[in-house]
Amino acid sequence: MGLRLLTTAETSNEADDGLITTEELAKMLRVDPSTIRRWRTVEPVQGPPFIPLSERVIMYSIEDVRTWLASRRVTPEAA
């Protein structure tokens, strides 16, 4: 079972601009939204880059998430 990133159309109608919410990212990564929130608040900050639109509204770019995931990829030959 591999990780399959949802397409923009699959995540939400609001994601038409390539942005997703914390909850959508959590669903995509199959983790609890509290995990995503913790990544943003720990020092050093972890997880994919995020866009704070306001104090309470945080968005993620689908492309940033894909780039972040690719950077975390471990190939057995290189490990």
PDB file of N, CA and C in Angstrom:
ATOM      1  N   MET A   1       0.843  -1.181   0.000  1.00  0.00           N
ATOM      2  CA  MET A   1       0.000   0.000   0.000  1.00  0.00           C
ATOM      3  C   MET A   1       0.879   1.231   0.000  1.00  0.00           C
ATOM      4  N   GLY A   2       0.853   2.009  -1.066  1.00  0.00           N
ATOM      5  CA  GLY A   2       1.661   3.211  -1.168  1.00  0.00           C
ATOM      6  C   GLY A   2       0.867   4.456  -0.827  1.00  0.00           C
ATOM      7  N   LEU A   3       1.583   5.522  -0.565  1.00  0.00           N
ATOM      8  CA  LEU A   3       0.941   6.801  -0.289  1.00  0.00           C
ATOM      9  C   LEU A   3       0.554   7.447  -1.607  1.00  0.00           C
ATOM     10  N   ARG A   4      -0.710   7.778  -1.743  1.00  0.00           N
ATOM     11  CA  ARG A   4      -1.188   8.423  -2.955  1.00  0.00           C
ATOM     12  C   ARG A   4      -1.679   9.799  -2.577  1.00  0.00           C
ATOM     13  N   LEU A   5      -1.068  10.822  -3.174  1.00  0.00           N
ATOM     14  CA  LEU A   5      -1.524  12.178  -2.925  1.00  0.00           C
ATOM     15  C   LEU A   5      -2.829  12.419  -3.652  1.00  0.00           C
ATOM     16  N   LEU A   6      -3.765  12.992  -2.953  1.00  0.00           N
ATOM     17  CA  LEU A   6      -5.027  13.321  -3.574  1.00  0.00           C
ATOM     18  C   LEU A   6      -4.829  14.469  -4.548  1.00  0.00           C
ATOM     19  N   THR A   7      -5.569  14.431  -5.614  1.00  0.00           N
ATOM     20  CA  THR A   7      -5.515  15.545  -6.546  1.00  0.00           C
ATOM     21  C   THR A   7      -6.274  16.715  -5.944  1.00  0.00           C
ATOM     22  N   THR A   8      -6.060  17.877  -6.498  1.00  0.00           N
ATOM     23  CA  THR A   8      -6.757  19.062  -6.015  1.00  0.00           C
ATOM     24  C   THR A   8      -8.260  18.853  -6.024  1.00  0.00           C
ATOM     25  N   ALA A   9      -8.773  18.248  -7.073  1.00  0.00           N
ATOM     26  CA  ALA A   9     -10.217  18.036  -7.186  1.00  0.00           C
ATOM     27  C   ALA A   9     -10.723  17.088  -6.110  1.00  0.00           C
ATOM     28  N   GLU A  10      -9.881  16.169  -5.658  1.00  0.00           N
ATOM     29  CA  GLU A  10     -10.305  15.204  -4.659  1.00  0.00           C
ATOM     30  C   GLU A  10     -10.307  15.778  -3.250  1.00  0.00           C
ATOM     31  N   THR A  11      -9.516  16.798  -2.988  1.00  0.00           N
ATOM     32  CA  THR A  11      -9.407  17.300  -1.628  1.00  0.00           C
ATOM     33  C   THR A  11     -10.553  18.209  -1.254  1.00  0.00           C
ATOM     34  N   SER A  12     -10.929  19.115  -2.141  1.00  0.00           N
ATOM     35  CA  SER A  12     -11.975  20.074  -1.784  1.00  0.00           C
ATOM     36  C   SER A  12     -12.269  20.978  -2.953  1.00  0.00           C
ATOM     37  N   ASN A  13     -13.465  21.493  -3.003  1.00  0.00           N
ATOM     38  CA  ASN A  13     -13.788  22.493  -4.013  1.00  0.00           C
ATOM     39  C   ASN A  13     -12.988  23.756  -3.783  1.00  0.00           C
ATOM     40  N   GLU A  14     -12.670  24.053  -2.496  1.00  0.00           N
ATOM     41  CA  GLU A  14     -11.908  25.253  -2.176  1.00  0.00           C
ATOM     42  C   GLU A  14     -10.451  25.119  -2.586  1.00  0.00           C
ATOM     43  N   ALA A  15      -9.999  23.926  -2.888  1.00  0.00           N
ATOM     44  CA  ALA A  15      -8.600  23.710  -3.239  1.00  0.00           C
ATOM     45  C   ALA A  15      -8.333  23.954  -4.720  1.00  0.00           C
ATOM     46  N   ASP A  16      -9.282  24.559  -5.416  1.00  0.00           N
ATOM     47  CA  ASP A  16      -9.103  24.828  -6.840  1.00  0.00           C
ATOM     48  C   ASP A  16      -7.881  25.682  -7.119  1.00  0.00           C
ATOM     49  N   ASP A  17      -7.438  26.459  -6.133  1.00  0.00           N
ATOM     50  CA  ASP A  17      -6.271  27.313  -6.306  1.00  0.00           C
ATOM     51  C   ASP A  17      -4.983  26.601  -5.894  1.00  0.00           C
ATOM     52  N   GLY A  18      -5.050  25.307  -5.598  1.00  0.00           N
ATOM     53  CA  GLY A  18      -3.864  24.551  -5.217  1.00  0.00           C
ATOM     54  C   GLY A  18      -3.537  24.647  -3.744  1.00  0.00           C
ATOM     55  N   LEU A  19      -4.441  25.200  -2.942  1.00  0.00           N
ATOM     56  CA  LEU A  19      -4.228  25.309  -1.506  1.00  0.00           C
ATOM     57  C   LEU A  19      -5.162  24.361  -0.775  1.00  0.00           C
ATOM     58  N   ILE A  20      -4.657  23.786   0.316  1.00  0.00           N
ATOM     59  CA  ILE A  20      -5.466  22.889   1.137  1.00  0.00           C
ATOM     60  C   ILE A  20      -5.349  23.307   2.599  1.00  0.00           C
ATOM     61  N   THR A  21      -6.318  22.883   3.388  1.00  0.00           N
ATOM     62  CA  THR A  21      -6.353  23.196   4.818  1.00  0.00           C
ATOM     63  C   THR A  21      -5.545  22.171   5.607  1.00  0.00           C
ATOM     64  N   THR A  22      -5.377  22.459   6.894  1.00  0.00           N
ATOM     65  CA  THR A  22      -4.716  21.526   7.798  1.00  0.00           C
ATOM     66  C   THR A  22      -5.444  20.185   7.806  1.00  0.00           C
ATOM     67  N   GLU A  23      -6.754  20.224   7.849  1.00  0.00           N
ATOM     68  CA  GLU A  23      -7.546  18.993   7.892  1.00  0.00           C
ATOM     69  C   GLU A  23      -7.390  18.188   6.604  1.00  0.00           C
ATOM     70  N   GLU A  24      -7.355  18.876   5.473  1.00  0.00           N
ATOM     71  CA  GLU A  24      -7.175  18.188   4.196  1.00  0.00           C
ATOM     72  C   GLU A  24      -5.778  17.574   4.100  1.00  0.00           C
ATOM     73  N   LEU A  25      -4.779  18.301   4.586  1.00  0.00           N
ATOM     74  CA  LEU A  25      -3.416  17.759   4.590  1.00  0.00           C
ATOM     75  C   LEU A  25      -3.336  16.531   5.490  1.00  0.00           C
ATOM     76  N   ALA A  26      -3.956  16.611   6.652  1.00  0.00           N
ATOM     77  CA  ALA A  26      -3.947  15.473   7.570  1.00  0.00           C
ATOM     78  C   ALA A  26      -4.590  14.250   6.932  1.00  0.00           C
ATOM     79  N   LYS A  27      -5.698  14.461   6.255  1.00  0.00           N
ATOM     80  CA  LYS A  27      -6.369  13.350   5.567  1.00  0.00           C
ATOM     81  C   LYS A  27      -5.452  12.772   4.482  1.00  0.00           C
ATOM     82  N   MET A  28      -4.800  13.644   3.743  1.00  0.00           N
ATOM     83  CA  MET A  28      -3.905  13.224   2.673  1.00  0.00           C
ATOM     84  C   MET A  28      -2.750  12.377   3.213  1.00  0.00           C
ATOM     85  N   LEU A  29      -2.197  12.789   4.357  1.00  0.00           N
ATOM     86  CA  LEU A  29      -1.045  12.095   4.937  1.00  0.00           C
ATOM     87  C   LEU A  29      -1.444  10.975   5.894  1.00  0.00           C
ATOM     88  N   ARG A  30      -2.754  10.844   6.121  1.00  0.00           N
ATOM     89  CA  ARG A  30      -3.291   9.819   7.016  1.00  0.00           C
ATOM     90  C   ARG A  30      -2.749   9.971   8.447  1.00  0.00           C
ATOM     91  N   VAL A  31      -2.782  11.212   8.917  1.00  0.00           N
ATOM     92  CA  VAL A  31      -2.418  11.517  10.302  1.00  0.00           C
ATOM     93  C   VAL A  31      -3.514  12.383  10.901  1.00  0.00           C
ATOM     94  N   ASP A  32      -3.499  12.526  12.205  1.00  0.00           N
ATOM     95  CA  ASP A  32      -4.470  13.372  12.877  1.00  0.00           C
ATOM     96  C   ASP A  32      -4.121  14.847  12.637  1.00  0.00           C
ATOM     97  N   PRO A  33      -5.121  15.713  12.487  1.00  0.00           N
ATOM     98  CA  PRO A  33      -4.829  17.138  12.302  1.00  0.00           C
ATOM     99  C   PRO A  33      -3.966  17.730  13.413  1.00  0.00           C
ATOM    100  N   SER A  34      -4.060  17.180  14.633  1.00  0.00           N
ATOM    101  CA  SER A  34      -3.222  17.682  15.727  1.00  0.00           C
ATOM    102  C   SER A  34      -1.741  17.454  15.445  1.00  0.00           C
ATOM    103  N   THR A  35      -1.414  16.423  14.699  1.00  0.00           N
ATOM    104  CA  THR A  35      -0.021  16.181  14.308  1.00  0.00           C
ATOM    105  C   THR A  35       0.475  17.305  13.414  1.00  0.00           C
ATOM    106  N   ILE A  36      -0.333  17.702  12.456  1.00  0.00           N
ATOM    107  CA  ILE A  36       0.041  18.787  11.548  1.00  0.00           C
ATOM    108  C   ILE A  36       0.223  20.080  12.342  1.00  0.00           C
ATOM    109  N   ARG A  37      -0.699  20.349  13.256  1.00  0.00           N
ATOM    110  CA  ARG A  37      -0.592  21.566  14.074  1.00  0.00           C
ATOM    111  C   ARG A  37       0.663  21.543  14.935  1.00  0.00           C
ATOM    112  N   ARG A  38       0.984  20.386  15.492  1.00  0.00           N
ATOM    113  CA  ARG A  38       2.196  20.259  16.319  1.00  0.00           C
ATOM    114  C   ARG A  38       3.439  20.531  15.480  1.00  0.00           C
ATOM    115  N   TRP A  39       3.495  20.031  14.253  1.00  0.00           N
ATOM    116  CA  TRP A  39       4.642  20.275  13.380  1.00  0.00           C
ATOM    117  C   TRP A  39       4.880  21.772  13.196  1.00  0.00           C
ATOM    118  N   ARG A  40       3.792  22.543  13.129  1.00  0.00           N
ATOM    119  CA  ARG A  40       3.925  23.991  12.911  1.00  0.00           C
ATOM    120  C   ARG A  40       4.414  24.727  14.142  1.00  0.00           C
ATOM    121  N   THR A  41       4.190  24.165  15.325  1.00  0.00           N
ATOM    122  CA  THR A  41       4.460  24.907  16.558  1.00  0.00           C
ATOM    123  C   THR A  41       5.705  24.464  17.305  1.00  0.00           C
ATOM    124  N   VAL A  42       6.322  23.352  16.935  1.00  0.00           N
ATOM    125  CA  VAL A  42       7.533  22.904  17.622  1.00  0.00           C
ATOM    126  C   VAL A  42       8.737  23.686  17.108  1.00  0.00           C
ATOM    127  N   GLU A  43       9.796  23.678  17.904  1.00  0.00           N
ATOM    128  CA  GLU A  43      11.063  24.286  17.481  1.00  0.00           C
ATOM    129  C   GLU A  43      12.077  23.170  17.323  1.00  0.00           C
ATOM    130  N   PRO A  44      12.682  23.005  16.184  1.00  0.00           N
ATOM    131  CA  PRO A  44      12.441  23.745  14.955  1.00  0.00           C
ATOM    132  C   PRO A  44      11.133  23.295  14.290  1.00  0.00           C
ATOM    133  N   VAL A  45      10.558  24.190  13.497  1.00  0.00           N
ATOM    134  CA  VAL A  45       9.313  23.898  12.790  1.00  0.00           C
ATOM    135  C   VAL A  45       9.533  22.696  11.873  1.00  0.00           C
ATOM    136  N   GLN A  46       8.541  21.818  11.831  1.00  0.00           N
ATOM    137  CA  GLN A  46       8.620  20.614  11.009  1.00  0.00           C
ATOM    138  C   GLN A  46       7.494  20.631   9.980  1.00  0.00           C
ATOM    139  N   GLY A  47       7.478  19.610   9.146  1.00  0.00           N
ATOM    140  CA  GLY A  47       6.399  19.464   8.183  1.00  0.00           C
ATOM    141  C   GLY A  47       6.602  20.324   6.954  1.00  0.00           C
ATOM    142  N   PRO A  48       5.611  20.289   6.072  1.00  0.00           N
ATOM    143  CA  PRO A  48       5.712  21.056   4.828  1.00  0.00           C
ATOM    144  C   PRO A  48       5.550  22.559   5.086  1.00  0.00           C
ATOM    145  N   PRO A  49       6.051  23.381   4.170  1.00  0.00           N
ATOM    146  CA  PRO A  49       5.844  24.833   4.305  1.00  0.00           C
ATOM    147  C   PRO A  49       4.355  25.150   4.381  1.00  0.00           C
ATOM    148  N   PHE A  50       4.032  26.185   5.136  1.00  0.00           N
ATOM    149  CA  PHE A  50       2.631  26.582   5.288  1.00  0.00           C
ATOM    150  C   PHE A  50       2.471  28.072   5.065  1.00  0.00           C
ATOM    151  N   ILE A  51       1.232  28.462   4.826  1.00  0.00           N
ATOM    152  CA  ILE A  51       0.902  29.855   4.533  1.00  0.00           C
ATOM    153  C   ILE A  51      -0.105  30.334   5.574  1.00  0.00           C
ATOM    154  N   PRO A  52       0.336  31.173   6.518  1.00  0.00           N
ATOM    155  CA  PRO A  52      -0.623  31.699   7.493  1.00  0.00           C
ATOM    156  C   PRO A  52      -1.397  32.876   6.884  1.00  0.00           C
ATOM    157  N   LEU A  53      -2.657  32.660   6.602  1.00  0.00           N
ATOM    158  CA  LEU A  53      -3.496  33.727   6.048  1.00  0.00           C
ATOM    159  C   LEU A  53      -3.998  34.650   7.150  1.00  0.00           C
ATOM    160  N   SER A  54      -4.136  34.100   8.343  1.00  0.00           N
ATOM    161  CA  SER A  54      -4.491  34.871   9.530  1.00  0.00           C
ATOM    162  C   SER A  54      -4.009  34.043  10.721  1.00  0.00           C
ATOM    163  N   GLU A  55      -4.283  34.532  11.914  1.00  0.00           N
ATOM    164  CA  GLU A  55      -3.861  33.793  13.105  1.00  0.00           C
ATOM    165  C   GLU A  55      -4.488  32.404  13.174  1.00  0.00           C
ATOM    166  N   ARG A  56      -5.683  32.264  12.632  1.00  0.00           N
ATOM    167  CA  ARG A  56      -6.405  30.995  12.712  1.00  0.00           C
ATOM    168  C   ARG A  56      -6.503  30.233  11.398  1.00  0.00           C
ATOM    169  N   VAL A  57      -6.153  30.844  10.309  1.00  0.00           N
ATOM    170  CA  VAL A  57      -6.308  30.203   8.994  1.00  0.00           C
ATOM    171  C   VAL A  57      -4.925  29.921   8.406  1.00  0.00           C
ATOM    172  N   ILE A  58      -4.618  28.635   8.294  1.00  0.00           N
ATOM    173  CA  ILE A  58      -3.351  28.178   7.735  1.00  0.00           C
ATOM    174  C   ILE A  58      -3.652  27.340   6.507  1.00  0.00           C
ATOM    175  N   MET A  59      -2.934  27.592   5.430  1.00  0.00           N
ATOM    176  CA  MET A  59      -3.125  26.829   4.202  1.00  0.00           C
ATOM    177  C   MET A  59      -1.788  26.219   3.775  1.00  0.00           C
ATOM    178  N   TYR A  60      -1.887  25.192   2.948  1.00  0.00           N
ATOM    179  CA  TYR A  60      -0.715  24.504   2.410  1.00  0.00           C
ATOM    180  C   TYR A  60      -0.849  24.423   0.899  1.00  0.00           C
ATOM    181  N   SER A  61       0.235  24.675   0.208  1.00  0.00           N
ATOM    182  CA  SER A  61       0.269  24.525  -1.239  1.00  0.00           C
ATOM    183  C   SER A  61       0.482  23.051  -1.566  1.00  0.00           C
ATOM    184  N   ILE A  62      -0.333  22.527  -2.469  1.00  0.00           N
ATOM    185  CA  ILE A  62      -0.183  21.129  -2.893  1.00  0.00           C
ATOM    186  C   ILE A  62       1.241  20.894  -3.420  1.00  0.00           C
ATOM    187  N   GLU A  63       1.760  21.830  -4.181  1.00  0.00           N
ATOM    188  CA  GLU A  63       3.119  21.678  -4.735  1.00  0.00           C
ATOM    189  C   GLU A  63       4.161  21.668  -3.633  1.00  0.00           C
ATOM    190  N   ASP A  64       4.000  22.519  -2.609  1.00  0.00           N
ATOM    191  CA  ASP A  64       4.933  22.510  -1.477  1.00  0.00           C
ATOM    192  C   ASP A  64       4.888  21.165  -0.752  1.00  0.00           C
ATOM    193  N   VAL A  65       3.701  20.617  -0.596  1.00  0.00           N
ATOM    194  CA  VAL A  65       3.553  19.318   0.077  1.00  0.00           C
ATOM    195  C   VAL A  65       4.255  18.233  -0.731  1.00  0.00           C
ATOM    196  N   ARG A  66       4.058  18.237  -2.041  1.00  0.00           N
ATOM    197  CA  ARG A  66       4.717  17.233  -2.894  1.00  0.00           C
ATOM    198  C   ARG A  66       6.234  17.360  -2.813  1.00  0.00           C
ATOM    199  N   THR A  67       6.744  18.582  -2.836  1.00  0.00           N
ATOM    200  CA  THR A  67       8.188  18.804  -2.743  1.00  0.00           C
ATOM    201  C   THR A  67       8.711  18.333  -1.390  1.00  0.00           C
ATOM    202  N   TRP A  68       7.992  18.653  -0.327  1.00  0.00           N
ATOM    203  CA  TRP A  68       8.393  18.232   1.019  1.00  0.00           C
ATOM    204  C   TRP A  68       8.420  16.705   1.119  1.00  0.00           C
ATOM    205  N   LEU A  69       7.393  16.051   0.606  1.00  0.00           N
ATOM    206  CA  LEU A  69       7.361  14.588   0.639  1.00  0.00           C
ATOM    207  C   LEU A  69       8.530  13.997  -0.148  1.00  0.00           C
ATOM    208  N   ALA A  70       8.806  14.551  -1.305  1.00  0.00           N
ATOM    209  CA  ALA A  70       9.922  14.050  -2.121  1.00  0.00           C
ATOM    210  C   ALA A  70      11.246  14.205  -1.379  1.00  0.00           C
ATOM    211  N   SER A  71      11.398  15.284  -0.613  1.00  0.00           N
ATOM    212  CA  SER A  71      12.646  15.513   0.117  1.00  0.00           C
ATOM    213  C   SER A  71      12.820  14.523   1.265  1.00  0.00           C
ATOM    214  N   ARG A  72      11.746  13.920   1.719  1.00  0.00           N
ATOM    215  CA  ARG A  72      11.799  12.968   2.828  1.00  0.00           C
ATOM    216  C   ARG A  72      11.916  11.519   2.353  1.00  0.00           C
ATOM    217  N   ARG A  73      11.878  11.321   1.082  1.00  0.00           N
ATOM    218  CA  ARG A  73      11.920   9.973   0.516  1.00  0.00           C
ATOM    219  C   ARG A  73      13.269   9.312   0.807  1.00  0.00           C
ATOM    220  N   VAL A  74      13.214   8.074   1.247  1.00  0.00           N
ATOM    221  CA  VAL A  74      14.418   7.294   1.510  1.00  0.00           C
ATOM    222  C   VAL A  74      14.392   6.091   0.575  1.00  0.00           C
ATOM    223  N   THR A  75      15.428   5.961  -0.228  1.00  0.00           N
ATOM    224  CA  THR A  75      15.526   4.783  -1.079  1.00  0.00           C
ATOM    225  C   THR A  75      16.405   3.758  -0.364  1.00  0.00           C
ATOM    226  N   PRO A  76      16.005   2.485  -0.378  1.00  0.00           N
ATOM    227  CA  PRO A  76      16.755   1.465   0.355  1.00  0.00           C
ATOM    228  C   PRO A  76      18.236   1.408  -0.026  1.00  0.00           C
ATOM    229  N   GLU A  77      18.550   1.629  -1.292  1.00  0.00           N
ATOM    230  CA  GLU A  77      19.943   1.560  -1.724  1.00  0.00           C
ATOM    231  C   GLU A  77      20.781   2.656  -1.080  1.00  0.00           C
ATOM    232  N   ALA A  78      20.182   3.802  -0.836  1.00  0.00           N
ATOM    233  CA  ALA A  78      20.927   4.942  -0.284  1.00  0.00           C
ATOM    234  C   ALA A  78      20.977   4.912   1.244  1.00  0.00           C
ATOM    235  N   ALA A  79      20.099   4.146   1.867  1.00  0.00           N
ATOM    236  CA  ALA A  79      20.014   4.151   3.326  1.00  0.00           C
ATOM    237  C   ALA A  79      21.155   3.437   4.010  1.00  0.00           C
TER     238      ALA A  79
END
